[in-house]
């Protein structure tokens, strides 16, 4: 049994290396969930390892990948605080497992196909120092489509806007540990928008701070860019956020129309850029 655990877990923590934060330089935990993501994983790991912030731990939760991801994690064993490979119930289950392993005062989630820009974590912690009461920090992200089209996402958090749609960029966010103590784990009944649902629980009581700085490069695509995501989004803002169901239904219709015409808009942009 101990041998199986050794095969499926690794990282510097198992070698007794335990980073500790301080009041001036709190420990930050970066959590990455991966499943068959070897093609993107190395770049993701490098973007974290090359951050200039001194008190940083990277936790990687793998869902029993079959593409060589575990072999790559072993290669980076001395640069990851903790990694684990075992079956899970999706990305939010992996995040919940990562939260149980996290030791940082601040916690963020970086997708396997996303990249931190240089100095991102230091910028977050400077923002945290300027806003000592904040429990949620958000920034901008560069969203990149495979076609080459890109745009900047991420606005300041405010309840009036957030109750209608997720105006902040989750991959460009940082969460104080106490926020999860207060709100709980991610709800696994949401397969796509559990990150939005969790923050909706705070309602108007969320203490947030924003910086108009791009911290992450985020690749487009995946299940979050789907009609199913729009339906889950509506459920979350009604059931958790208390949004008027009639308003939410109307907003869903508008969102579906925008989703339908999105390919045409992208094609027009490509033609216009030639």
C-alpha atoms as a PDB file:
ATOM      1  CA  UNK A   1       0.000   0.000   0.000  1.00  0.00           C
ATOM      2  CA  UNK A   2       2.829   2.397   0.815  1.00  0.00           C
ATOM      3  CA  UNK A   3       4.450   1.585  -2.533  1.00  0.00           C
ATOM      4  CA  UNK A   4       1.272   2.573  -4.436  1.00  0.00           C
ATOM      5  CA  UNK A   5       1.156   5.871  -2.554  1.00  0.00           C
ATOM      6  CA  UNK A   6       4.763   6.596  -3.478  1.00  0.00           C
ATOM      7  CA  UNK A   7       4.082   5.865  -7.151  1.00  0.00           C
ATOM      8  CA  UNK A   8       1.084   8.211  -7.341  1.00  0.00           C
ATOM      9  CA  UNK A   9       2.368  11.101  -5.197  1.00  0.00           C
ATOM     10  CA  UNK A  10       5.429  13.273  -5.239  1.00  0.00           C
ATOM     11  CA  UNK A  11       6.878  16.714  -4.732  1.00  0.00           C
ATOM     12  CA  UNK A  12       9.231  18.510  -2.403  1.00  0.00           C
ATOM     13  CA  UNK A  13       6.807  18.287   0.517  1.00  0.00           C
ATOM     14  CA  UNK A  14       7.372  14.538   0.701  1.00  0.00           C
ATOM     15  CA  UNK A  15      11.092  15.288   1.067  1.00  0.00           C
ATOM     16  CA  UNK A  16      10.441  17.460   4.105  1.00  0.00           C
ATOM     17  CA  UNK A  17      10.725  20.808   2.303  1.00  0.00           C
ATOM     18  CA  UNK A  18       7.902  22.946   3.677  1.00  0.00           C
ATOM     19  CA  UNK A  19       7.847  26.623   2.639  1.00  0.00           C
ATOM     20  CA  UNK A  20       6.570  29.005   5.275  1.00  0.00           C
ATOM     21  CA  UNK A  21       5.100  32.418   4.738  1.00  0.00           C
ATOM     22  CA  UNK A  22       5.282  35.526   6.871  1.00  0.00           C
ATOM     23  CA  UNK A  23       3.097  38.533   7.552  1.00  0.00           C
ATOM     24  CA  UNK A  24       5.118  40.578   5.079  1.00  0.00           C
ATOM     25  CA  UNK A  25       5.389  37.755   2.520  1.00  0.00           C
ATOM     26  CA  UNK A  26       2.471  35.299   2.897  1.00  0.00           C
ATOM     27  CA  UNK A  27       2.616  31.825   1.413  1.00  0.00           C
ATOM     28  CA  UNK A  28       0.735  31.508  -1.894  1.00  0.00           C
ATOM     29  CA  UNK A  29      -0.629  28.180  -3.168  1.00  0.00           C
ATOM     30  CA  UNK A  30      -1.185  27.630  -6.892  1.00  0.00           C
ATOM     31  CA  UNK A  31      -3.458  24.655  -7.672  1.00  0.00           C
ATOM     32  CA  UNK A  32      -3.516  23.024 -11.105  1.00  0.00           C
ATOM     33  CA  UNK A  33      -5.889  20.221 -12.109  1.00  0.00           C
ATOM     34  CA  UNK A  34      -4.862  18.077 -15.060  1.00  0.00           C
ATOM     35  CA  UNK A  35      -6.110  15.061 -16.974  1.00  0.00           C
ATOM     36  CA  UNK A  36      -4.230  13.902 -20.064  1.00  0.00           C
ATOM     37  CA  UNK A  37      -2.694  17.350 -20.381  1.00  0.00           C
ATOM     38  CA  UNK A  38       0.953  16.489 -20.941  1.00  0.00           C
ATOM     39  CA  UNK A  39       1.155  18.620 -24.085  1.00  0.00           C
ATOM     40  CA  UNK A  40       0.520  21.816 -22.110  1.00  0.00           C
ATOM     41  CA  UNK A  41       1.704  20.885 -18.625  1.00  0.00           C
ATOM     42  CA  UNK A  42       5.409  21.701 -18.942  1.00  0.00           C
ATOM     43  CA  UNK A  43       4.727  25.299 -20.003  1.00  0.00           C
ATOM     44  CA  UNK A  44       2.249  25.719 -17.146  1.00  0.00           C
ATOM     45  CA  UNK A  45       4.736  24.362 -14.593  1.00  0.00           C
ATOM     46  CA  UNK A  46       7.503  26.585 -15.928  1.00  0.00           C
ATOM     47  CA  UNK A  47       5.319  29.695 -15.720  1.00  0.00           C
ATOM     48  CA  UNK A  48       4.828  29.019 -12.002  1.00  0.00           C
ATOM     49  CA  UNK A  49       8.417  27.964 -11.289  1.00  0.00           C
ATOM     50  CA  UNK A  50       9.745  31.159 -12.888  1.00  0.00           C
ATOM     51  CA  UNK A  51       7.685  33.525 -10.728  1.00  0.00           C
ATOM     52  CA  UNK A  52       9.847  35.919  -8.714  1.00  0.00           C
ATOM     53  CA  UNK A  53       7.694  35.678  -5.583  1.00  0.00           C
ATOM     54  CA  UNK A  54       9.693  33.805  -2.905  1.00  0.00           C
ATOM     55  CA  UNK A  55       6.942  32.072  -0.875  1.00  0.00           C
ATOM     56  CA  UNK A  56       5.101  29.977  -3.413  1.00  0.00           C
ATOM     57  CA  UNK A  57       3.943  26.354  -3.563  1.00  0.00           C
ATOM     58  CA  UNK A  58       2.513  24.603  -6.612  1.00  0.00           C
ATOM     59  CA  UNK A  59       0.100  21.707  -6.112  1.00  0.00           C
ATOM     60  CA  UNK A  60      -0.891  19.570  -9.103  1.00  0.00           C
ATOM     61  CA  UNK A  61      -3.844  17.166  -8.916  1.00  0.00           C
ATOM     62  CA  UNK A  62      -3.912  14.654 -11.777  1.00  0.00           C
ATOM     63  CA  UNK A  63      -6.972  12.525 -12.529  1.00  0.00           C
ATOM     64  CA  UNK A  64      -5.044   9.333 -13.423  1.00  0.00           C
ATOM     65  CA  UNK A  65      -3.845  10.499 -16.827  1.00  0.00           C
ATOM     66  CA  UNK A  66      -2.849   7.948 -19.447  1.00  0.00           C
ATOM     67  CA  UNK A  67      -0.748  10.169 -21.728  1.00  0.00           C
ATOM     68  CA  UNK A  68       2.516  10.383 -19.805  1.00  0.00           C
ATOM     69  CA  UNK A  69       1.473  13.259 -17.544  1.00  0.00           C
ATOM     70  CA  UNK A  70       2.669  11.392 -14.454  1.00  0.00           C
ATOM     71  CA  UNK A  71       6.086  10.825 -15.995  1.00  0.00           C
ATOM     72  CA  UNK A  72       6.349  14.564 -16.619  1.00  0.00           C
ATOM     73  CA  UNK A  73       5.312  15.316 -13.037  1.00  0.00           C
ATOM     74  CA  UNK A  74       8.118  13.046 -11.840  1.00  0.00           C
ATOM     75  CA  UNK A  75      10.568  15.040 -13.975  1.00  0.00           C
ATOM     76  CA  UNK A  76       9.438  18.219 -12.197  1.00  0.00           C
ATOM     77  CA  UNK A  77       9.366  16.575  -8.775  1.00  0.00           C
ATOM     78  CA  UNK A  78      11.880  19.018  -7.283  1.00  0.00           C
ATOM     79  CA  UNK A  79       9.922  22.062  -8.527  1.00  0.00           C
ATOM     80  CA  UNK A  80       6.428  21.095  -7.365  1.00  0.00           C
ATOM     81  CA  UNK A  81       5.435  21.226  -3.704  1.00  0.00           C
ATOM     82  CA  UNK A  82       3.021  18.319  -4.011  1.00  0.00           C
ATOM     83  CA  UNK A  83       1.459  16.296  -6.836  1.00  0.00           C
ATOM     84  CA  UNK A  84      -0.956  13.427  -6.771  1.00  0.00           C
ATOM     85  CA  UNK A  85      -2.442  11.153  -9.421  1.00  0.00           C
ATOM     86  CA  UNK A  86      -5.706   9.329  -8.756  1.00  0.00           C
ATOM     87  CA  UNK A  87      -9.183   9.155 -10.313  1.00  0.00           C
ATOM     88  CA  UNK A  88     -11.431  12.155  -9.620  1.00  0.00           C
ATOM     89  CA  UNK A  89     -14.900  13.427 -10.501  1.00  0.00           C
ATOM     90  CA  UNK A  90     -13.769  16.348 -12.603  1.00  0.00           C
ATOM     91  CA  UNK A  91     -11.876  19.595 -12.255  1.00  0.00           C
ATOM     92  CA  UNK A  92     -13.784  20.890  -9.220  1.00  0.00           C
ATOM     93  CA  UNK A  93     -13.269  17.624  -7.344  1.00  0.00           C
ATOM     94  CA  UNK A  94      -9.554  17.997  -8.120  1.00  0.00           C
ATOM     95  CA  UNK A  95      -9.659  21.591  -6.866  1.00  0.00           C
ATOM     96  CA  UNK A  96     -11.333  20.507  -3.624  1.00  0.00           C
ATOM     97  CA  UNK A  97      -8.599  17.918  -3.137  1.00  0.00           C
ATOM     98  CA  UNK A  98      -6.025  20.599  -3.838  1.00  0.00           C
ATOM     99  CA  UNK A  99      -7.618  22.882  -1.255  1.00  0.00           C
ATOM    100  CA  UNK A 100      -7.179  20.191   1.375  1.00  0.00           C
ATOM    101  CA  UNK A 101      -3.463  20.046   0.539  1.00  0.00           C
ATOM    102  CA  UNK A 102      -2.980  23.826   0.277  1.00  0.00           C
ATOM    103  CA  UNK A 103      -1.022  25.535   3.033  1.00  0.00           C
ATOM    104  CA  UNK A 104      -1.003  29.070   1.663  1.00  0.00           C
ATOM    105  CA  UNK A 105      -2.813  32.082   3.066  1.00  0.00           C
ATOM    106  CA  UNK A 106      -3.680  32.923  -0.544  1.00  0.00           C
ATOM    107  CA  UNK A 107      -4.858  30.337  -3.077  1.00  0.00           C
ATOM    108  CA  UNK A 108      -5.321  30.519  -6.842  1.00  0.00           C
ATOM    109  CA  UNK A 109      -6.143  28.084  -9.647  1.00  0.00           C
ATOM    110  CA  UNK A 110      -4.152  27.893 -12.872  1.00  0.00           C
ATOM    111  CA  UNK A 111      -5.407  25.706 -15.710  1.00  0.00           C
ATOM    112  CA  UNK A 112      -3.001  23.256 -17.290  1.00  0.00           C
ATOM    113  CA  UNK A 113      -3.250  25.177 -20.574  1.00  0.00           C
ATOM    114  CA  UNK A 114      -2.898  28.606 -18.909  1.00  0.00           C
ATOM    115  CA  UNK A 115       0.295  30.532 -18.221  1.00  0.00           C
ATOM    116  CA  UNK A 116       1.269  32.996 -15.518  1.00  0.00           C
ATOM    117  CA  UNK A 117       2.964  36.073 -16.877  1.00  0.00           C
ATOM    118  CA  UNK A 118       6.239  37.103 -15.182  1.00  0.00           C
ATOM    119  CA  UNK A 119       5.678  38.891 -11.876  1.00  0.00           C
ATOM    120  CA  UNK A 120       2.008  37.885 -11.645  1.00  0.00           C
ATOM    121  CA  UNK A 121       2.082  36.521  -8.086  1.00  0.00           C
ATOM    122  CA  UNK A 122       4.180  39.441  -6.803  1.00  0.00           C
ATOM    123  CA  UNK A 123       1.619  41.836  -8.295  1.00  0.00           C
ATOM    124  CA  UNK A 124      -1.206  39.995  -6.523  1.00  0.00           C
ATOM    125  CA  UNK A 125       0.577  40.162  -3.180  1.00  0.00           C
ATOM    126  CA  UNK A 126       1.297  43.864  -3.626  1.00  0.00           C
ATOM    127  CA  UNK A 127      -2.434  44.325  -4.188  1.00  0.00           C
ATOM    128  CA  UNK A 128      -3.172  42.255  -1.075  1.00  0.00           C
ATOM    129  CA  UNK A 129      -0.823  44.429   0.995  1.00  0.00           C
ATOM    130  CA  UNK A 130      -2.600  47.553  -0.246  1.00  0.00           C
ATOM    131  CA  UNK A 131      -6.003  46.037   0.621  1.00  0.00           C
ATOM    132  CA  UNK A 132      -5.563  44.176   3.921  1.00  0.00           C
ATOM    133  CA  UNK A 133      -9.298  43.478   4.314  1.00  0.00           C
ATOM    134  CA  UNK A 134      -9.687  41.914   0.866  1.00  0.00           C
ATOM    135  CA  UNK A 135     -10.465  38.204   0.605  1.00  0.00           C
ATOM    136  CA  UNK A 136     -10.715  38.066  -3.191  1.00  0.00           C
ATOM    137  CA  UNK A 137      -8.289  39.619  -5.667  1.00  0.00           C
ATOM    138  CA  UNK A 138      -8.922  39.821  -9.391  1.00  0.00           C
ATOM    139  CA  UNK A 139      -7.059  41.043 -12.430  1.00  0.00           C
ATOM    140  CA  UNK A 140      -7.153  40.867 -16.204  1.00  0.00           C
ATOM    141  CA  UNK A 141      -6.311  37.884 -18.398  1.00  0.00           C
ATOM    142  CA  UNK A 142      -5.371  37.621 -22.056  1.00  0.00           C
ATOM    143  CA  UNK A 143      -7.827  35.228 -23.728  1.00  0.00           C
ATOM    144  CA  UNK A 144      -6.348  33.629 -26.847  1.00  0.00           C
ATOM    145  CA  UNK A 145      -8.373  31.821 -29.511  1.00  0.00           C
ATOM    146  CA  UNK A 146      -6.685  29.125 -31.662  1.00  0.00           C
ATOM    147  CA  UNK A 147      -7.419  31.339 -34.688  1.00  0.00           C
ATOM    148  CA  UNK A 148      -4.992  33.897 -33.294  1.00  0.00           C
ATOM    149  CA  UNK A 149      -7.662  36.341 -32.158  1.00  0.00           C
ATOM    150  CA  UNK A 150      -7.192  37.528 -28.569  1.00  0.00           C
ATOM    151  CA  UNK A 151      -8.850  39.926 -26.164  1.00  0.00           C
ATOM    152  CA  UNK A 152      -8.549  41.073 -22.577  1.00  0.00           C
ATOM    153  CA  UNK A 153     -11.034  39.782 -19.988  1.00  0.00           C
ATOM    154  CA  UNK A 154     -11.651  40.620 -16.356  1.00  0.00           C
ATOM    155  CA  UNK A 155     -13.361  43.539 -14.637  1.00  0.00           C
ATOM    156  CA  UNK A 156     -13.539  44.779 -11.039  1.00  0.00           C
ATOM    157  CA  UNK A 157     -15.929  42.767  -8.896  1.00  0.00           C
ATOM    158  CA  UNK A 158     -19.213  44.398  -7.973  1.00  0.00           C
ATOM    159  CA  UNK A 159     -22.361  42.592  -6.928  1.00  0.00           C
ATOM    160  CA  UNK A 160     -24.774  44.277  -9.320  1.00  0.00           C
ATOM    161  CA  UNK A 161     -22.797  43.084 -12.336  1.00  0.00           C
ATOM    162  CA  UNK A 162     -21.559  39.797 -10.859  1.00  0.00           C
ATOM    163  CA  UNK A 163     -25.110  38.712  -9.991  1.00  0.00           C
ATOM    164  CA  UNK A 164     -25.881  38.775 -13.747  1.00  0.00           C
ATOM    165  CA  UNK A 165     -22.714  37.170 -15.098  1.00  0.00           C
ATOM    166  CA  UNK A 166     -19.154  36.335 -14.045  1.00  0.00           C
ATOM    167  CA  UNK A 167     -17.521  39.657 -14.846  1.00  0.00           C
ATOM    168  CA  UNK A 168     -14.243  38.631 -13.184  1.00  0.00           C
ATOM    169  CA  UNK A 169     -11.814  36.103 -14.669  1.00  0.00           C
ATOM    170  CA  UNK A 170     -11.406  33.098 -12.375  1.00  0.00           C
ATOM    171  CA  UNK A 171      -7.997  32.180 -13.737  1.00  0.00           C
ATOM    172  CA  UNK A 172      -6.977  35.771 -12.989  1.00  0.00           C
ATOM    173  CA  UNK A 173      -8.105  35.610  -9.357  1.00  0.00           C
ATOM    174  CA  UNK A 174      -6.602  35.005  -5.939  1.00  0.00           C
ATOM    175  CA  UNK A 175      -8.589  33.786  -2.906  1.00  0.00           C
ATOM    176  CA  UNK A 176      -7.740  34.233   0.753  1.00  0.00           C
ATOM    177  CA  UNK A 177      -7.909  30.920   2.614  1.00  0.00           C
ATOM    178  CA  UNK A 178     -10.543  32.332   4.983  1.00  0.00           C
ATOM    179  CA  UNK A 179     -12.922  32.727   2.031  1.00  0.00           C
ATOM    180  CA  UNK A 180     -13.144  28.934   1.646  1.00  0.00           C
ATOM    181  CA  UNK A 181     -13.511  28.542   5.401  1.00  0.00           C
ATOM    182  CA  UNK A 182     -16.510  30.850   5.208  1.00  0.00           C
ATOM    183  CA  UNK A 183     -18.095  29.661   1.945  1.00  0.00           C
ATOM    184  CA  UNK A 184     -17.063  26.002   1.782  1.00  0.00           C
ATOM    185  CA  UNK A 185     -15.800  23.815  -1.065  1.00  0.00           C
ATOM    186  CA  UNK A 186     -16.813  23.809  -4.717  1.00  0.00           C
ATOM    187  CA  UNK A 187     -20.239  22.259  -5.348  1.00  0.00           C
ATOM    188  CA  UNK A 188     -19.717  19.195  -7.543  1.00  0.00           C
ATOM    189  CA  UNK A 189     -23.285  19.317  -8.832  1.00  0.00           C
ATOM    190  CA  UNK A 190     -21.946  22.123 -11.035  1.00  0.00           C
ATOM    191  CA  UNK A 191     -19.708  20.604 -13.692  1.00  0.00           C
ATOM    192  CA  UNK A 192     -18.757  23.844 -15.454  1.00  0.00           C
ATOM    193  CA  UNK A 193     -19.413  26.982 -13.369  1.00  0.00           C
ATOM    194  CA  UNK A 194     -18.781  25.917  -9.763  1.00  0.00           C
ATOM    195  CA  UNK A 195     -16.204  28.716  -9.471  1.00  0.00           C
ATOM    196  CA  UNK A 196     -18.930  31.272 -10.212  1.00  0.00           C
ATOM    197  CA  UNK A 197     -21.414  29.536  -7.890  1.00  0.00           C
ATOM    198  CA  UNK A 198     -19.015  29.589  -4.941  1.00  0.00           C
ATOM    199  CA  UNK A 199     -18.444  33.337  -5.159  1.00  0.00           C
ATOM    200  CA  UNK A 200     -22.193  33.928  -5.541  1.00  0.00           C
ATOM    201  CA  UNK A 201     -22.604  32.527  -2.020  1.00  0.00           C
ATOM    202  CA  UNK A 202     -20.955  35.642  -0.599  1.00  0.00           C
ATOM    203  CA  UNK A 203     -23.528  37.914  -2.255  1.00  0.00           C
ATOM    204  CA  UNK A 204     -22.849  41.557  -1.373  1.00  0.00           C
ATOM    205  CA  UNK A 205     -20.522  40.538   1.460  1.00  0.00           C
ATOM    206  CA  UNK A 206     -17.510  39.737  -0.715  1.00  0.00           C
ATOM    207  CA  UNK A 207     -14.518  41.962   0.039  1.00  0.00           C
ATOM    208  CA  UNK A 208     -12.684  42.330  -3.251  1.00  0.00           C
ATOM    209  CA  UNK A 209      -9.810  44.276  -4.788  1.00  0.00           C
ATOM    210  CA  UNK A 210      -8.903  44.676  -8.456  1.00  0.00           C
ATOM    211  CA  UNK A 211      -5.840  45.583 -10.488  1.00  0.00           C
ATOM    212  CA  UNK A 212      -6.027  46.507 -14.203  1.00  0.00           C
ATOM    213  CA  UNK A 213      -3.026  44.330 -14.988  1.00  0.00           C
ATOM    214  CA  UNK A 214      -2.858  41.198 -17.147  1.00  0.00           C
ATOM    215  CA  UNK A 215      -1.523  38.293 -15.094  1.00  0.00           C
ATOM    216  CA  UNK A 216      -2.405  35.185 -17.121  1.00  0.00           C
ATOM    217  CA  UNK A 217      -2.586  33.972 -20.710  1.00  0.00           C
ATOM    218  CA  UNK A 218      -5.695  31.812 -21.040  1.00  0.00           C
ATOM    219  CA  UNK A 219      -6.411  29.514 -23.970  1.00  0.00           C
ATOM    220  CA  UNK A 220      -9.956  29.536 -25.351  1.00  0.00           C
ATOM    221  CA  UNK A 221     -12.108  26.456 -25.670  1.00  0.00           C
ATOM    222  CA  UNK A 222     -13.267  23.642 -23.451  1.00  0.00           C
ATOM    223  CA  UNK A 223     -16.629  22.887 -21.919  1.00  0.00           C
ATOM    224  CA  UNK A 224     -16.844  26.335 -20.316  1.00  0.00           C
ATOM    225  CA  UNK A 225     -17.402  27.738 -23.814  1.00  0.00           C
ATOM    226  CA  UNK A 226     -20.709  25.936 -24.454  1.00  0.00           C
ATOM    227  CA  UNK A 227     -24.481  26.208 -24.189  1.00  0.00           C
ATOM    228  CA  UNK A 228     -24.337  23.813 -21.244  1.00  0.00           C
ATOM    229  CA  UNK A 229     -22.212  26.375 -19.407  1.00  0.00           C
ATOM    230  CA  UNK A 230     -24.830  29.050 -20.090  1.00  0.00           C
ATOM    231  CA  UNK A 231     -27.548  26.850 -18.575  1.00  0.00           C
ATOM    232  CA  UNK A 232     -25.454  26.088 -15.487  1.00  0.00           C
ATOM    233  CA  UNK A 233     -24.642  29.771 -15.171  1.00  0.00           C
ATOM    234  CA  UNK A 234     -28.363  30.583 -15.076  1.00  0.00           C
ATOM    235  CA  UNK A 235     -29.025  27.920 -12.462  1.00  0.00           C
ATOM    236  CA  UNK A 236     -26.246  29.252 -10.235  1.00  0.00           C
ATOM    237  CA  UNK A 237     -27.313  32.885 -10.307  1.00  0.00           C
ATOM    238  CA  UNK A 238     -30.937  31.948  -9.527  1.00  0.00           C
ATOM    239  CA  UNK A 239     -30.429  29.226  -6.915  1.00  0.00           C
ATOM    240  CA  UNK A 240     -27.377  30.677  -5.172  1.00  0.00           C
ATOM    241  CA  UNK A 241     -27.294  34.334  -6.203  1.00  0.00           C
ATOM    242  CA  UNK A 242     -31.014  34.948  -5.765  1.00  0.00           C
ATOM    243  CA  UNK A 243     -31.458  36.379  -9.260  1.00  0.00           C
ATOM    244  CA  UNK A 244     -35.072  36.859 -10.363  1.00  0.00           C
ATOM    245  CA  UNK A 245     -35.913  33.750 -12.463  1.00  0.00           C
ATOM    246  CA  UNK A 246     -37.713  35.758 -15.125  1.00  0.00           C
ATOM    247  CA  UNK A 247     -34.741  38.104 -15.522  1.00  0.00           C
ATOM    248  CA  UNK A 248     -32.372  35.135 -15.598  1.00  0.00           C
ATOM    249  CA  UNK A 249     -34.424  33.378 -18.274  1.00  0.00           C
ATOM    250  CA  UNK A 250     -34.388  36.497 -20.454  1.00  0.00           C
ATOM    251  CA  UNK A 251     -30.618  36.857 -19.942  1.00  0.00           C
ATOM    252  CA  UNK A 252     -30.164  33.215 -20.949  1.00  0.00           C
ATOM    253  CA  UNK A 253     -31.993  33.869 -24.227  1.00  0.00           C
ATOM    254  CA  UNK A 254     -29.717  36.813 -24.969  1.00  0.00           C
ATOM    255  CA  UNK A 255     -26.640  34.755 -24.086  1.00  0.00           C
ATOM    256  CA  UNK A 256     -27.746  31.975 -26.451  1.00  0.00           C
ATOM    257  CA  UNK A 257     -28.187  34.479 -29.275  1.00  0.00           C
ATOM    258  CA  UNK A 258     -24.699  35.875 -28.688  1.00  0.00           C
ATOM    259  CA  UNK A 259     -23.317  32.339 -28.573  1.00  0.00           C
ATOM    260  CA  UNK A 260     -24.964  31.507 -31.908  1.00  0.00           C
ATOM    261  CA  UNK A 261     -23.523  34.530 -33.731  1.00  0.00           C
ATOM    262  CA  UNK A 262     -20.057  34.269 -32.178  1.00  0.00           C
ATOM    263  CA  UNK A 263     -18.531  32.260 -35.063  1.00  0.00           C
ATOM    264  CA  UNK A 264     -19.756  34.896 -37.511  1.00  0.00           C
ATOM    265  CA  UNK A 265     -18.228  37.683 -35.460  1.00  0.00           C
ATOM    266  CA  UNK A 266     -14.883  35.854 -35.301  1.00  0.00           C
ATOM    267  CA  UNK A 267     -14.932  35.230 -39.053  1.00  0.00           C
ATOM    268  CA  UNK A 268     -15.612  38.919 -39.644  1.00  0.00           C
ATOM    269  CA  UNK A 269     -12.688  39.900 -37.422  1.00  0.00           C
ATOM    270  CA  UNK A 270     -10.366  37.560 -39.334  1.00  0.00           C
ATOM    271  CA  UNK A 271     -11.454  39.072 -42.645  1.00  0.00           C
ATOM    272  CA  UNK A 272     -11.096  42.598 -41.296  1.00  0.00           C
ATOM    273  CA  UNK A 273      -7.559  41.925 -40.070  1.00  0.00           C
ATOM    274  CA  UNK A 274      -6.301  40.777 -43.497  1.00  0.00           C
END
